[in-house]
Each structure stands twice: as C-alpha cells, then as structure tokens.
N, C-alpha and C. Protein backbone atom coordinates (compact mmCIF):
# COMPACT_ATOMS: atom_id res chain seq x y z
N MET A 1 -26.60 35.40 123.41
CA MET A 1 -26.57 34.40 122.60
C MET A 1 -26.70 35.09 121.12
N SER A 2 -26.08 34.41 119.92
CA SER A 2 -26.35 34.90 118.86
C SER A 2 -27.34 34.46 118.09
N SER A 3 -27.57 35.28 116.79
CA SER A 3 -29.09 34.47 116.32
C SER A 3 -28.16 34.01 115.11
N ASP A 4 -29.01 32.93 114.31
CA ASP A 4 -28.19 32.20 113.09
C ASP A 4 -28.37 33.17 111.81
N SER A 5 -29.16 34.24 111.80
CA SER A 5 -29.62 34.77 110.65
C SER A 5 -27.88 35.67 110.12
N GLU A 6 -27.29 35.74 111.12
CA GLU A 6 -25.89 36.14 110.97
C GLU A 6 -24.82 35.37 110.23
N ILE A 7 -25.41 34.01 110.33
CA ILE A 7 -24.47 32.85 109.73
C ILE A 7 -24.49 32.24 108.63
N ASP A 8 -23.97 32.12 107.27
CA ASP A 8 -24.32 31.49 106.22
C ASP A 8 -23.53 29.92 106.14
N VAL A 9 -24.70 29.18 106.00
CA VAL A 9 -24.05 27.87 106.17
C VAL A 9 -24.07 27.12 104.55
N VAL A 10 -22.95 26.92 104.34
CA VAL A 10 -22.65 26.16 103.00
C VAL A 10 -22.29 24.86 103.03
N GLY A 11 -22.71 23.83 102.20
CA GLY A 11 -22.63 22.37 101.76
C GLY A 11 -21.06 22.54 101.13
N VAL A 12 -20.60 21.90 101.78
CA VAL A 12 -19.49 21.28 101.02
C VAL A 12 -18.72 20.20 100.86
N GLU A 13 -18.79 19.52 99.75
CA GLU A 13 -19.07 18.08 99.04
C GLU A 13 -17.10 17.73 98.94
N GLU A 14 -17.25 16.76 99.59
CA GLU A 14 -15.84 15.87 99.49
C GLU A 14 -15.71 15.07 98.61
N GLU A 15 -15.29 15.20 97.05
CA GLU A 15 -15.70 14.86 95.95
C GLU A 15 -14.28 13.56 95.75
N GLN A 16 -13.09 13.99 96.31
CA GLN A 16 -12.06 13.14 96.20
C GLN A 16 -11.99 11.76 96.85
N ASN A 17 -12.78 11.67 98.06
CA ASN A 17 -13.18 10.41 98.70
C ASN A 17 -14.14 10.59 99.15
N PRO A 18 -14.81 9.45 98.24
CA PRO A 18 -16.04 9.01 98.71
C PRO A 18 -16.32 8.49 100.05
N THR A 19 -15.28 8.29 100.91
CA THR A 19 -15.61 7.45 102.01
C THR A 19 -15.76 8.55 103.11
N THR A 20 -15.47 9.96 102.76
CA THR A 20 -15.28 10.86 103.79
C THR A 20 -16.94 11.50 103.77
N SER A 21 -17.29 11.78 104.80
CA SER A 21 -18.94 12.84 104.88
C SER A 21 -18.76 13.85 104.36
N SER A 22 -19.74 14.48 103.76
CA SER A 22 -19.64 16.11 103.26
C SER A 22 -19.66 16.81 104.72
N ARG A 23 -18.90 18.04 104.83
CA ARG A 23 -18.82 18.91 105.85
C ARG A 23 -19.67 20.13 106.03
N VAL A 24 -20.03 20.55 106.63
CA VAL A 24 -20.70 22.11 106.53
C VAL A 24 -19.65 23.18 107.16
N LYS A 25 -19.60 24.15 106.15
CA LYS A 25 -18.67 25.58 106.22
C LYS A 25 -19.55 26.61 106.75
N LYS A 26 -19.21 27.25 107.65
CA LYS A 26 -19.93 28.62 108.17
C LYS A 26 -18.85 29.53 107.84
N ALA A 27 -19.78 30.66 107.19
CA ALA A 27 -19.28 31.98 106.91
C ALA A 27 -20.00 32.94 108.06
N TYR A 28 -19.03 33.73 108.71
CA TYR A 28 -19.69 34.92 109.69
C TYR A 28 -19.27 36.15 109.20
N SER A 29 -20.11 36.97 109.63
CA SER A 29 -19.98 38.30 108.83
C SER A 29 -18.95 38.86 110.01
N ILE A 30 -18.49 39.90 109.47
CA ILE A 30 -17.51 40.80 110.07
C ILE A 30 -18.31 41.21 111.40
N GLU A 31 -19.44 41.75 111.39
CA GLU A 31 -19.84 42.11 112.81
C GLU A 31 -19.77 40.92 113.68
N LYS A 32 -20.01 39.71 113.16
CA LYS A 32 -20.04 38.70 114.32
C LYS A 32 -19.03 38.49 115.07
N LYS A 33 -17.73 38.47 113.96
CA LYS A 33 -16.34 38.35 114.11
C LYS A 33 -16.07 39.15 115.43
N ILE A 34 -16.24 40.53 114.80
CA ILE A 34 -16.07 41.41 116.24
C ILE A 34 -16.38 41.33 117.42
N GLU A 35 -17.69 40.91 117.39
CA GLU A 35 -18.49 40.35 118.98
C GLU A 35 -17.86 39.42 119.44
N VAL A 36 -17.40 38.40 118.76
CA VAL A 36 -16.83 37.39 118.99
C VAL A 36 -15.17 37.53 119.59
N ILE A 37 -14.60 38.96 119.62
CA ILE A 37 -13.55 39.49 119.39
C ILE A 37 -13.47 39.99 121.00
N GLU A 38 -14.68 40.53 120.92
CA GLU A 38 -14.86 41.49 121.80
C GLU A 38 -15.17 40.45 123.66
N PHE A 39 -16.08 39.46 122.86
CA PHE A 39 -16.45 38.49 124.02
C PHE A 39 -14.89 37.87 124.55
N ALA A 40 -14.29 37.47 123.63
CA ALA A 40 -12.87 37.00 123.89
C ALA A 40 -12.07 37.66 124.96
N LYS A 41 -11.90 39.15 124.27
CA LYS A 41 -10.91 39.98 125.03
C LYS A 41 -11.41 39.85 126.66
N LYS A 42 -12.58 40.00 126.93
CA LYS A 42 -13.08 39.80 128.26
C LYS A 42 -13.06 38.53 128.90
N ASN A 43 -13.12 37.30 127.96
CA ASN A 43 -13.14 35.90 128.98
C ASN A 43 -11.72 35.55 128.34
N SER A 44 -11.79 34.82 127.43
CA SER A 44 -11.00 33.88 126.85
C SER A 44 -11.05 33.67 125.54
N ASN A 45 -10.20 32.98 124.49
CA ASN A 45 -10.43 32.64 123.36
C ASN A 45 -11.32 31.17 123.41
N HIS A 46 -11.01 30.46 124.54
CA HIS A 46 -11.87 29.33 124.70
C HIS A 46 -13.22 29.22 124.80
N ALA A 47 -13.38 30.52 126.02
CA ALA A 47 -14.96 30.67 126.25
C ALA A 47 -15.47 30.96 124.87
N ALA A 48 -14.84 31.90 124.56
CA ALA A 48 -15.70 32.47 123.37
C ALA A 48 -15.85 31.48 122.06
N ALA A 49 -15.04 30.87 121.72
CA ALA A 49 -15.44 29.35 120.92
C ALA A 49 -16.57 28.61 121.58
N ARG A 50 -16.70 28.37 122.55
CA ARG A 50 -17.77 27.70 123.26
C ARG A 50 -18.87 28.18 123.29
N ARG A 51 -18.83 29.77 123.38
CA ARG A 51 -20.18 30.37 123.54
C ARG A 51 -20.87 30.89 121.96
N PHE A 52 -19.79 31.01 121.28
CA PHE A 52 -20.69 31.11 119.63
C PHE A 52 -20.28 29.97 118.85
N GLY A 53 -19.76 28.91 119.29
CA GLY A 53 -19.99 27.70 118.55
C GLY A 53 -19.15 27.88 117.04
N VAL A 54 -17.92 28.14 117.57
CA VAL A 54 -16.93 28.47 116.54
C VAL A 54 -15.42 27.42 117.18
N SER A 55 -14.36 27.46 116.36
CA SER A 55 -13.26 26.62 116.79
C SER A 55 -12.54 27.96 117.39
N ARG A 56 -11.53 27.41 118.21
CA ARG A 56 -10.59 28.38 119.25
C ARG A 56 -9.59 28.88 118.38
N SER A 57 -9.43 28.12 117.29
CA SER A 57 -8.19 28.74 116.11
C SER A 57 -9.05 29.93 115.26
N SER A 58 -10.28 29.82 115.09
CA SER A 58 -10.99 30.61 114.26
C SER A 58 -10.94 32.19 115.37
N VAL A 59 -11.32 32.19 116.62
CA VAL A 59 -11.23 33.13 117.45
C VAL A 59 -9.86 33.62 117.32
N ILE A 60 -8.96 32.87 117.43
CA ILE A 60 -7.28 33.43 117.49
C ILE A 60 -7.00 34.18 116.43
N ASP A 61 -7.31 33.18 115.17
CA ASP A 61 -7.21 34.21 113.90
C ASP A 61 -8.04 35.48 113.54
N TRP A 62 -9.27 35.52 113.94
CA TRP A 62 -9.77 36.64 113.89
C TRP A 62 -9.27 37.88 114.80
N ARG A 63 -8.73 37.40 116.20
CA ARG A 63 -8.19 38.51 117.11
C ARG A 63 -6.62 38.81 116.44
N ALA A 64 -6.23 38.04 115.68
CA ALA A 64 -4.90 38.93 114.77
C ALA A 64 -5.30 39.46 113.71
N GLN A 65 -6.49 39.45 113.24
CA GLN A 65 -6.97 40.21 111.91
C GLN A 65 -8.36 41.26 112.39
N GLU A 66 -8.05 42.06 113.67
CA GLU A 66 -8.85 42.64 114.60
C GLU A 66 -8.94 44.11 113.86
N GLY A 67 -7.62 44.47 113.59
CA GLY A 67 -7.34 45.75 112.86
C GLY A 67 -7.81 45.84 111.60
N LYS A 68 -7.74 44.71 110.59
CA LYS A 68 -8.17 44.85 109.61
C LYS A 68 -9.88 44.59 109.62
N LEU A 69 -10.21 43.96 110.41
CA LEU A 69 -11.75 43.75 110.58
C LEU A 69 -12.53 44.98 110.74
N ARG A 70 -11.95 45.73 111.76
CA ARG A 70 -12.47 47.01 112.32
C ARG A 70 -12.50 48.04 110.90
N GLU A 71 -11.72 47.96 110.39
CA GLU A 71 -11.41 49.01 108.84
C GLU A 71 -12.21 48.77 107.94
N SER A 72 -12.74 47.92 107.85
CA SER A 72 -13.29 47.08 106.70
C SER A 72 -14.77 47.47 106.92
N LYS A 73 -15.71 47.30 105.82
CA LYS A 73 -16.80 47.77 105.76
C LYS A 73 -17.73 46.45 106.55
N ARG A 74 -18.84 46.55 107.16
CA ARG A 74 -19.20 45.47 108.34
C ARG A 74 -20.17 44.70 107.62
N ILE A 75 -20.19 45.08 106.05
CA ILE A 75 -21.78 44.33 105.60
C ILE A 75 -20.68 43.04 104.83
N ASN A 76 -19.48 43.04 104.58
CA ASN A 76 -18.78 42.01 103.83
C ASN A 76 -18.80 41.01 105.14
N LYS A 77 -18.39 39.72 104.35
CA LYS A 77 -18.22 38.62 105.00
C LYS A 77 -16.68 38.28 105.15
N ARG A 78 -16.13 38.80 104.24
CA ARG A 78 -14.26 38.31 104.05
C ARG A 78 -13.73 39.85 103.76
N LEU A 79 -12.69 39.85 103.94
CA LEU A 79 -11.33 40.80 103.64
C LEU A 79 -11.05 40.69 102.39
N PRO A 80 -10.91 42.11 101.90
CA PRO A 80 -10.56 42.25 100.57
C PRO A 80 -9.11 41.36 100.60
N GLY A 81 -8.92 41.05 99.55
CA GLY A 81 -7.64 40.06 98.86
C GLY A 81 -7.25 38.83 99.18
N GLY A 82 -8.56 38.28 99.56
CA GLY A 82 -8.55 36.72 99.70
C GLY A 82 -9.32 36.03 98.58
N GLY A 83 -8.72 34.71 98.62
CA GLY A 83 -8.90 33.86 97.33
C GLY A 83 -7.75 33.74 96.75
N ARG A 84 -8.17 32.83 95.53
CA ARG A 84 -7.14 32.47 94.67
C ARG A 84 -6.94 33.51 93.56
N SER A 85 -5.81 34.06 93.25
CA SER A 85 -5.39 35.22 92.26
C SER A 85 -5.40 34.38 90.67
N LEU A 86 -5.85 35.11 90.08
CA LEU A 86 -5.98 34.95 88.57
C LEU A 86 -4.60 34.58 88.03
N ARG A 87 -4.50 33.28 87.12
CA ARG A 87 -3.25 33.00 86.62
C ARG A 87 -3.09 33.51 85.04
N PHE A 88 -4.51 33.76 84.34
CA PHE A 88 -4.27 33.98 83.06
C PHE A 88 -5.33 35.20 83.09
N MET A 89 -5.05 36.34 83.36
CA MET A 89 -6.04 37.31 83.49
C MET A 89 -6.57 37.53 82.10
N GLU A 90 -5.66 37.55 80.88
CA GLU A 90 -6.60 38.08 79.74
C GLU A 90 -7.42 37.04 79.15
N SER A 91 -7.05 35.50 79.50
CA SER A 91 -7.74 34.49 78.94
C SER A 91 -9.23 34.10 79.98
N ASP A 92 -9.20 34.68 80.89
CA ASP A 92 -10.30 34.59 82.14
C ASP A 92 -11.51 35.98 81.48
N GLU A 93 -10.79 36.74 81.46
CA GLU A 93 -11.42 37.89 80.69
C GLU A 93 -12.11 37.60 79.20
N GLN A 94 -11.32 37.17 78.49
CA GLN A 94 -12.24 36.82 77.37
C GLN A 94 -13.08 35.66 77.40
N LEU A 95 -12.79 34.78 78.37
CA LEU A 95 -13.85 34.00 78.93
C LEU A 95 -15.20 34.11 79.34
N ALA A 96 -15.20 35.51 80.24
CA ALA A 96 -15.98 35.92 80.79
C ALA A 96 -17.01 36.96 79.70
N ASN A 97 -16.42 37.65 79.03
CA ASN A 97 -16.86 37.74 78.09
C ASN A 97 -17.67 36.76 76.88
N TRP A 98 -17.30 36.29 76.73
CA TRP A 98 -17.99 35.00 75.78
C TRP A 98 -19.10 34.48 76.16
N VAL A 99 -19.10 34.39 77.84
CA VAL A 99 -20.13 33.97 78.49
C VAL A 99 -21.24 35.00 78.29
N ARG A 100 -20.92 36.07 78.88
CA ARG A 100 -22.08 37.22 78.82
C ARG A 100 -22.62 37.48 77.40
N GLU A 101 -21.91 37.16 76.28
CA GLU A 101 -22.21 37.16 74.97
C GLU A 101 -23.22 36.04 74.68
N ARG A 102 -22.94 34.99 74.95
CA ARG A 102 -24.02 33.77 74.85
C ARG A 102 -24.85 33.97 75.67
N ARG A 103 -25.00 34.63 76.58
CA ARG A 103 -26.45 35.05 77.71
C ARG A 103 -27.23 36.25 77.26
N LYS A 104 -26.55 36.96 76.39
CA LYS A 104 -27.05 38.01 76.02
C LYS A 104 -27.97 37.62 74.73
N GLU A 105 -27.73 36.30 74.05
CA GLU A 105 -28.53 35.82 73.01
C GLU A 105 -29.03 34.69 73.45
N LYS A 106 -29.49 34.64 74.71
CA LYS A 106 -30.30 33.51 75.37
C LYS A 106 -29.62 32.16 75.12
N VAL A 107 -28.53 31.77 74.97
CA VAL A 107 -27.62 30.54 74.53
C VAL A 107 -27.50 30.10 75.98
N ARG A 108 -27.78 28.72 76.33
CA ARG A 108 -27.19 28.33 77.51
C ARG A 108 -25.84 27.62 77.44
N VAL A 109 -25.06 28.35 78.87
CA VAL A 109 -23.94 28.41 78.77
C VAL A 109 -23.37 27.39 80.01
N THR A 110 -23.09 26.12 79.96
CA THR A 110 -22.63 25.27 81.04
C THR A 110 -21.30 24.92 81.00
N SER A 111 -20.77 24.53 82.26
CA SER A 111 -19.28 24.45 82.72
C SER A 111 -18.66 22.89 81.88
N THR A 112 -19.74 22.08 81.21
CA THR A 112 -19.20 20.96 80.56
C THR A 112 -19.13 20.59 79.36
C-alpha cells in the first residue's frame, strides 16, 4: 500500500452555496501517479482506483498523460502548462512589483 506522506490534502471551501459541505482535494506526486499507472497496467483501472483510493477517472486521465508524466521532473506534482493563463500580463506584473515594494518597506499588504 502507499504512504500518506506523498499525498497533500488541501481543504477546498464551497463558498457559493452554504448548504454544501466542504470537500477535500488531494494532490498526488508524479511519482505516485506513475505507481498507480503501473498497477493499472498489470491489473485494471478499477482495481488501481480501489487500491490507491483515487477515482477511476483519475487513473484513466493519468494513463492518458503517462508520456508527459514520465518526461517531467518527478518532484513536481503537476505538469507544466496547467492553470489559468494571465489575461492582463502587464498589470499583473505591476501589481506584483508594487506588493514586493510594500513588503520591503515592511508595510502589510492584504487582499481587501
């Protein structure tokens, strides 16, 4: 079985609808994903999902990404290129510089 030290558990709050409960999102290392892929190849996607406590769709997605996962650095948790792309690169850069300047001056910077 696997150790929990390779899994980061992140609390995700559902703020839009207060009637829903919060869910927990797990982030798996690339090394762990490859371990799941190897098990799925020898057995089945369903068996791998049960054994490692992940969804079957995650196993299927990881198998589809196997080539990219093997090429990437194994210390990362995500493949490069993921996430939302910036819409306003220049203004984001200016904001980041402003925040760095304030922090150098020991001025508290908050999001509100």
